[in-house]
Amino acid sequence: MAKTTKVDKRGRLTLPKELRESHHIDENTEFIIEEINEDTFILKKIDLEELIESVRKEIQNKDLVGGNDF
């Protein structure tokens, strides 16, 4: 489903209503944006609380204090 949008004077993009509704995007939804090339960007919806919880689980039983040379 291709849709178009424009950047306003303040640099904001508006996501089409159908897209916001179908993907449960509200005013507090956060995104990561990554530039692929001059004309292509990836916009990925993230849930920071979910990300933090997954990191907590990942490091829960790891030795984060000693013995590691970075």
PDB file of N, CA and C in Angstrom:
ATOM      1  N   MET A   1       0.841  -1.167   0.000  1.00  0.00           N
ATOM      2  CA  MET A   1       0.000   0.000   0.000  1.00  0.00           C
ATOM      3  C   MET A   1       0.894   1.241   0.000  1.00  0.00           C
ATOM      4  N   ALA A   2       1.026   1.883  -1.108  1.00  0.00           N
ATOM      5  CA  ALA A   2       1.846   3.085  -1.227  1.00  0.00           C
ATOM      6  C   ALA A   2       0.999   4.313  -0.937  1.00  0.00           C
ATOM      7  N   LYS A   3       1.515   5.172  -0.107  1.00  0.00           N
ATOM      8  CA  LYS A   3       0.869   6.440   0.235  1.00  0.00           C
ATOM      9  C   LYS A   3       1.910   7.541   0.092  1.00  0.00           C
ATOM     10  N   THR A   4       1.465   8.765  -0.065  1.00  0.00           N
ATOM     11  CA  THR A   4       2.391   9.890  -0.114  1.00  0.00           C
ATOM     12  C   THR A   4       2.137  10.812   1.067  1.00  0.00           C
ATOM     13  N   THR A   5       3.162  11.545   1.446  1.00  0.00           N
ATOM     14  CA  THR A   5       3.071  12.532   2.503  1.00  0.00           C
ATOM     15  C   THR A   5       4.087  13.616   2.209  1.00  0.00           C
ATOM     16  N   LYS A   6       3.983  14.724   2.889  1.00  0.00           N
ATOM     17  CA  LYS A   6       4.909  15.838   2.685  1.00  0.00           C
ATOM     18  C   LYS A   6       5.521  16.245   4.013  1.00  0.00           C
ATOM     19  N   VAL A   7       6.676  16.883   3.921  1.00  0.00           N
ATOM     20  CA  VAL A   7       7.323  17.462   5.086  1.00  0.00           C
ATOM     21  C   VAL A   7       6.759  18.867   5.274  1.00  0.00           C
ATOM     22  N   ASP A   8       6.370  19.211   6.508  1.00  0.00           N
ATOM     23  CA  ASP A   8       5.857  20.562   6.740  1.00  0.00           C
ATOM     24  C   ASP A   8       7.003  21.525   7.055  1.00  0.00           C
ATOM     25  N   LYS A   9       6.665  22.788   7.328  1.00  0.00           N
ATOM     26  CA  LYS A   9       7.673  23.824   7.575  1.00  0.00           C
ATOM     27  C   LYS A   9       8.595  23.493   8.741  1.00  0.00           C
ATOM     28  N   ARG A  10       8.101  22.710   9.677  1.00  0.00           N
ATOM     29  CA  ARG A  10       8.891  22.366  10.863  1.00  0.00           C
ATOM     30  C   ARG A  10       9.626  21.037  10.703  1.00  0.00           C
ATOM     31  N   GLY A  11       9.592  20.452   9.507  1.00  0.00           N
ATOM     32  CA  GLY A  11      10.327  19.217   9.243  1.00  0.00           C
ATOM     33  C   GLY A  11       9.594  17.957   9.634  1.00  0.00           C
ATOM     34  N   ARG A  12       8.301  18.048   9.894  1.00  0.00           N
ATOM     35  CA  ARG A  12       7.529  16.886  10.340  1.00  0.00           C
ATOM     36  C   ARG A  12       6.860  16.189   9.163  1.00  0.00           C
ATOM     37  N   LEU A  13       6.751  14.875   9.283  1.00  0.00           N
ATOM     38  CA  LEU A  13       5.993  14.058   8.338  1.00  0.00           C
ATOM     39  C   LEU A  13       4.719  13.603   9.032  1.00  0.00           C
ATOM     40  N   THR A  14       3.639  13.536   8.289  1.00  0.00           N
ATOM     41  CA  THR A  14       2.408  12.985   8.829  1.00  0.00           C
ATOM     42  C   THR A  14       2.180  11.620   8.205  1.00  0.00           C
ATOM     43  N   LEU A  15       2.058  10.610   9.053  1.00  0.00           N
ATOM     44  CA  LEU A  15       1.751   9.274   8.556  1.00  0.00           C
ATOM     45  C   LEU A  15       0.259   9.213   8.259  1.00  0.00           C
ATOM     46  N   PRO A  16      -0.128   8.624   7.132  1.00  0.00           N
ATOM     47  CA  PRO A  16      -1.551   8.529   6.796  1.00  0.00           C
ATOM     48  C   PRO A  16      -2.342   7.814   7.895  1.00  0.00           C
ATOM     49  N   LYS A  17      -3.568   8.268   8.107  1.00  0.00           N
ATOM     50  CA  LYS A  17      -4.424   7.745   9.169  1.00  0.00           C
ATOM     51  C   LYS A  17      -4.596   6.231   9.077  1.00  0.00           C
ATOM     52  N   GLU A  18      -4.794   5.714   7.870  1.00  0.00           N
ATOM     53  CA  GLU A  18      -4.989   4.269   7.702  1.00  0.00           C
ATOM     54  C   GLU A  18      -3.779   3.489   8.205  1.00  0.00           C
ATOM     55  N   LEU A  19      -2.593   4.015   7.945  1.00  0.00           N
ATOM     56  CA  LEU A  19      -1.355   3.371   8.379  1.00  0.00           C
ATOM     57  C   LEU A  19      -1.236   3.436   9.902  1.00  0.00           C
ATOM     58  N   ARG A  20      -1.523   4.597  10.479  1.00  0.00           N
ATOM     59  CA  ARG A  20      -1.468   4.729  11.948  1.00  0.00           C
ATOM     60  C   ARG A  20      -2.433   3.773  12.622  1.00  0.00           C
ATOM     61  N   GLU A  21      -3.633   3.672  12.095  1.00  0.00           N
ATOM     62  CA  GLU A  21      -4.635   2.797  12.703  1.00  0.00           C
ATOM     63  C   GLU A  21      -4.276   1.317  12.543  1.00  0.00           C
ATOM     64  N   SER A  22      -3.860   0.927  11.360  1.00  0.00           N
ATOM     65  CA  SER A  22      -3.580  -0.495  11.117  1.00  0.00           C
ATOM     66  C   SER A  22      -2.334  -0.996  11.846  1.00  0.00           C
ATOM     67  N   HIS A  23      -1.428  -0.078  12.212  1.00  0.00           N
ATOM     68  CA  HIS A  23      -0.194  -0.476  12.902  1.00  0.00           C
ATOM     69  C   HIS A  23      -0.127   0.037  14.339  1.00  0.00           C
ATOM     70  N   HIS A  24      -1.269   0.491  14.850  1.00  0.00           N
ATOM     71  CA  HIS A  24      -1.372   0.936  16.245  1.00  0.00           C
ATOM     72  C   HIS A  24      -0.313   1.980  16.591  1.00  0.00           C
ATOM     73  N   ILE A  25      -0.230   3.014  15.773  1.00  0.00           N
ATOM     74  CA  ILE A  25       0.716   4.104  15.974  1.00  0.00           C
ATOM     75  C   ILE A  25      -0.041   5.282  16.561  1.00  0.00           C
ATOM     76  N   ASP A  26       0.417   5.747  17.737  1.00  0.00           N
ATOM     77  CA  ASP A  26      -0.195   6.928  18.332  1.00  0.00           C
ATOM     78  C   ASP A  26       0.873   7.991  18.558  1.00  0.00           C
ATOM     79  N   GLU A  27       0.513   9.061  19.253  1.00  0.00           N
ATOM     80  CA  GLU A  27       1.430  10.186  19.406  1.00  0.00           C
ATOM     81  C   GLU A  27       2.679   9.848  20.221  1.00  0.00           C
ATOM     82  N   ASN A  28       2.694   8.762  20.950  1.00  0.00           N
ATOM     83  CA  ASN A  28       3.865   8.393  21.747  1.00  0.00           C
ATOM     84  C   ASN A  28       4.703   7.288  21.121  1.00  0.00           C
ATOM     85  N   THR A  29       4.330   6.835  19.956  1.00  0.00           N
ATOM     86  CA  THR A  29       5.079   5.777  19.285  1.00  0.00           C
ATOM     87  C   THR A  29       6.433   6.325  18.841  1.00  0.00           C
ATOM     88  N   GLU A  30       7.481   5.559  19.111  1.00  0.00           N
ATOM     89  CA  GLU A  30       8.829   5.989  18.751  1.00  0.00           C
ATOM     90  C   GLU A  30       9.352   5.167  17.584  1.00  0.00           C
ATOM     91  N   PHE A  31      10.234   5.802  16.811  1.00  0.00           N
ATOM     92  CA  PHE A  31      10.798   5.190  15.616  1.00  0.00           C
ATOM     93  C   PHE A  31      12.302   5.394  15.575  1.00  0.00           C
ATOM     94  N   ILE A  32      12.961   4.494  14.884  1.00  0.00           N
ATOM     95  CA  ILE A  32      14.357   4.670  14.489  1.00  0.00           C
ATOM     96  C   ILE A  32      14.321   4.945  13.000  1.00  0.00           C
ATOM     97  N   ILE A  33      15.096   5.919  12.546  1.00  0.00           N
ATOM     98  CA  ILE A  33      15.181   6.185  11.122  1.00  0.00           C
ATOM     99  C   ILE A  33      16.634   6.014  10.696  1.00  0.00           C
ATOM    100  N   GLU A  34      16.830   5.270   9.624  1.00  0.00           N
ATOM    101  CA  GLU A  34      18.175   5.006   9.121  1.00  0.00           C
ATOM    102  C   GLU A  34      18.234   5.354   7.640  1.00  0.00           C
ATOM    103  N   GLU A  35      19.253   6.113   7.284  1.00  0.00           N
ATOM    104  CA  GLU A  35      19.449   6.470   5.887  1.00  0.00           C
ATOM    105  C   GLU A  35      20.146   5.324   5.167  1.00  0.00           C
ATOM    106  N   ILE A  36      19.544   4.873   4.073  1.00  0.00           N
ATOM    107  CA  ILE A  36      20.138   3.821   3.256  1.00  0.00           C
ATOM    108  C   ILE A  36      20.978   4.451   2.147  1.00  0.00           C
ATOM    109  N   ASN A  37      20.415   5.427   1.479  1.00  0.00           N
ATOM    110  CA  ASN A  37      21.149   6.222   0.502  1.00  0.00           C
ATOM    111  C   ASN A  37      20.456   7.576   0.404  1.00  0.00           C
ATOM    112  N   GLU A  38      20.822   8.375  -0.580  1.00  0.00           N
ATOM    113  CA  GLU A  38      20.305   9.737  -0.690  1.00  0.00           C
ATOM    114  C   GLU A  38      18.780   9.813  -0.755  1.00  0.00           C
ATOM    115  N   ASP A  39      18.133   8.820  -1.328  1.00  0.00           N
ATOM    116  CA  ASP A  39      16.684   8.851  -1.527  1.00  0.00           C
ATOM    117  C   ASP A  39      15.909   7.802  -0.731  1.00  0.00           C
ATOM    118  N   THR A  40      16.585   7.007   0.083  1.00  0.00           N
ATOM    119  CA  THR A  40      15.915   5.897   0.755  1.00  0.00           C
ATOM    120  C   THR A  40      16.219   5.898   2.248  1.00  0.00           C
ATOM    121  N   PHE A  41      15.155   5.786   3.033  1.00  0.00           N
ATOM    122  CA  PHE A  41      15.262   5.724   4.485  1.00  0.00           C
ATOM    123  C   PHE A  41      14.423   4.557   4.987  1.00  0.00           C
ATOM    124  N   ILE A  42      14.853   3.982   6.105  1.00  0.00           N
ATOM    125  CA  ILE A  42      14.058   2.965   6.781  1.00  0.00           C
ATOM    126  C   ILE A  42      13.521   3.600   8.055  1.00  0.00           C
ATOM    127  N   LEU A  43      12.227   3.468   8.257  1.00  0.00           N
ATOM    128  CA  LEU A  43      11.572   3.960   9.452  1.00  0.00           C
ATOM    129  C   LEU A  43      11.054   2.729  10.183  1.00  0.00           C
ATOM    130  N   LYS A  44      11.596   2.457  11.395  1.00  0.00           N
ATOM    131  CA  LYS A  44      11.216   1.264  12.132  1.00  0.00           C
ATOM    132  C   LYS A  44      10.593   1.658  13.457  1.00  0.00           C
ATOM    133  N   LYS A  45       9.391   1.152  13.697  1.00  0.00           N
ATOM    134  CA  LYS A  45       8.689   1.395  14.957  1.00  0.00           C
ATOM    135  C   LYS A  45       9.386   0.602  16.050  1.00  0.00           C
ATOM    136  N   ILE A  46       9.617   1.256  17.191  1.00  0.00           N
ATOM    137  CA  ILE A  46      10.254   0.578  18.314  1.00  0.00           C
ATOM    138  C   ILE A  46       9.417   0.766  19.571  1.00  0.00           C
ATOM    139  N   ASP A  47       9.542  -0.185  20.473  1.00  0.00           N
ATOM    140  CA  ASP A  47       8.926  -0.104  21.785  1.00  0.00           C
ATOM    141  C   ASP A  47      10.078  -0.111  22.784  1.00  0.00           C
ATOM    142  N   LEU A  48      10.411   1.052  23.331  1.00  0.00           N
ATOM    143  CA  LEU A  48      11.580   1.163  24.207  1.00  0.00           C
ATOM    144  C   LEU A  48      11.465   0.301  25.453  1.00  0.00           C
ATOM    145  N   GLU A  49      10.281   0.205  26.031  1.00  0.00           N
ATOM    146  CA  GLU A  49      10.119  -0.634  27.219  1.00  0.00           C
ATOM    147  C   GLU A  49      10.393  -2.098  26.890  1.00  0.00           C
ATOM    148  N   GLU A  50       9.908  -2.551  25.745  1.00  0.00           N
ATOM    149  CA  GLU A  50      10.152  -3.930  25.315  1.00  0.00           C
ATOM    150  C   GLU A  50      11.639  -4.152  25.044  1.00  0.00           C
ATOM    151  N   LEU A  51      12.294  -3.177  24.425  1.00  0.00           N
ATOM    152  CA  LEU A  51      13.724  -3.272  24.144  1.00  0.00           C
ATOM    153  C   LEU A  51      14.537  -3.343  25.432  1.00  0.00           C
ATOM    154  N   ILE A  52      14.208  -2.505  26.394  1.00  0.00           N
ATOM    155  CA  ILE A  52      14.917  -2.510  27.682  1.00  0.00           C
ATOM    156  C   ILE A  52      14.730  -3.841  28.391  1.00  0.00           C
ATOM    157  N   GLU A  53      13.520  -4.367  28.380  1.00  0.00           N
ATOM    158  CA  GLU A  53      13.257  -5.656  29.028  1.00  0.00           C
ATOM    159  C   GLU A  53      14.040  -6.782  28.365  1.00  0.00           C
ATOM    160  N   SER A  54      14.128  -6.769  27.048  1.00  0.00           N
ATOM    161  CA  SER A  54      14.881  -7.820  26.355  1.00  0.00           C
ATOM    162  C   SER A  54      16.376  -7.723  26.666  1.00  0.00           C
ATOM    163  N   VAL A  55      16.908  -6.514  26.816  1.00  0.00           N
ATOM    164  CA  VAL A  55      18.320  -6.346  27.197  1.00  0.00           C
ATOM    165  C   VAL A  55      18.525  -6.826  28.626  1.00  0.00           C
ATOM    166  N   ARG A  56      17.593  -6.490  29.513  1.00  0.00           N
ATOM    167  CA  ARG A  56      17.691  -6.970  30.897  1.00  0.00           C
ATOM    168  C   ARG A  56      17.772  -8.489  30.950  1.00  0.00           C
ATOM    169  N   LYS A  57      16.891  -9.153  30.200  1.00  0.00           N
ATOM    170  CA  LYS A  57      16.895 -10.621  30.180  1.00  0.00           C
ATOM    171  C   LYS A  57      18.193 -11.161  29.603  1.00  0.00           C
ATOM    172  N   GLU A  58      18.704 -10.493  28.579  1.00  0.00           N
ATOM    173  CA  GLU A  58      19.931 -10.948  27.915  1.00  0.00           C
ATOM    174  C   GLU A  58      21.143 -10.853  28.848  1.00  0.00           C
ATOM    175  N   ILE A  59      21.222  -9.806  29.661  1.00  0.00           N
ATOM    176  CA  ILE A  59      22.405  -9.601  30.507  1.00  0.00           C
ATOM    177  C   ILE A  59      22.216 -10.104  31.933  1.00  0.00           C
ATOM    178  N   GLN A  60      21.063 -10.632  32.236  1.00  0.00           N
ATOM    179  CA  GLN A  60      20.723 -11.033  33.597  1.00  0.00           C
ATOM    180  C   GLN A  60      21.779 -11.930  34.236  1.00  0.00           C
ATOM    181  N   ASN A  61      22.290 -12.909  33.548  1.00  0.00           N
ATOM    182  CA  ASN A  61      23.238 -13.857  34.125  1.00  0.00           C
ATOM    183  C   ASN A  61      24.652 -13.677  33.582  1.00  0.00           C
ATOM    184  N   LYS A  62      24.963 -12.496  33.093  1.00  0.00           N
ATOM    185  CA  LYS A  62      26.296 -12.221  32.545  1.00  0.00           C
ATOM    186  C   LYS A  62      27.158 -11.503  33.575  1.00  0.00           C
ATOM    187  N   ASP A  63      28.456 -11.768  33.526  1.00  0.00           N
ATOM    188  CA  ASP A  63      29.418 -11.066  34.371  1.00  0.00           C
ATOM    189  C   ASP A  63      29.798  -9.778  33.651  1.00  0.00           C
ATOM    190  N   LEU A  64      29.257  -8.675  34.090  1.00  0.00           N
ATOM    191  CA  LEU A  64      29.500  -7.397  33.429  1.00  0.00           C
ATOM    192  C   LEU A  64      30.592  -6.579  34.113  1.00  0.00           C
ATOM    193  N   VAL A  65      31.183  -7.119  35.189  1.00  0.00           N
ATOM    194  CA  VAL A  65      32.138  -6.333  35.963  1.00  0.00           C
ATOM    195  C   VAL A  65      33.574  -6.604  35.581  1.00  0.00           C
ATOM    196  N   GLY A  66      33.996  -7.847  35.582  1.00  0.00           N
ATOM    197  CA  GLY A  66      35.431  -8.077  35.416  1.00  0.00           C
ATOM    198  C   GLY A  66      35.763  -9.091  34.355  1.00  0.00           C
ATOM    199  N   GLY A  67      37.050  -9.103  34.005  1.00  0.00           N
ATOM    200  CA  GLY A  67      37.558 -10.128  33.116  1.00  0.00           C
ATOM    201  C   GLY A  67      37.340  -9.909  31.637  1.00  0.00           C
ATOM    202  N   ASN A  68      36.719  -8.846  31.257  1.00  0.00           N
ATOM    203  CA  ASN A  68      36.480  -8.611  29.833  1.00  0.00           C
ATOM    204  C   ASN A  68      37.380  -7.505  29.309  1.00  0.00           C
ATOM    205  N   ASP A  69      38.145  -7.826  28.302  1.00  0.00           N
ATOM    206  CA  ASP A  69      38.957  -6.802  27.636  1.00  0.00           C
ATOM    207  C   ASP A  69      38.231  -6.372  26.386  1.00  0.00           C
ATOM    208  N   PHE A  70      37.941  -5.105  26.262  1.00  0.00           N
ATOM    209  CA  PHE A  70      37.206  -4.604  25.101  1.00  0.00           C
ATOM    210  C   PHE A  70      38.140  -4.012  24.106  1.00  0.00           C
TER     211      PHE A  70
END
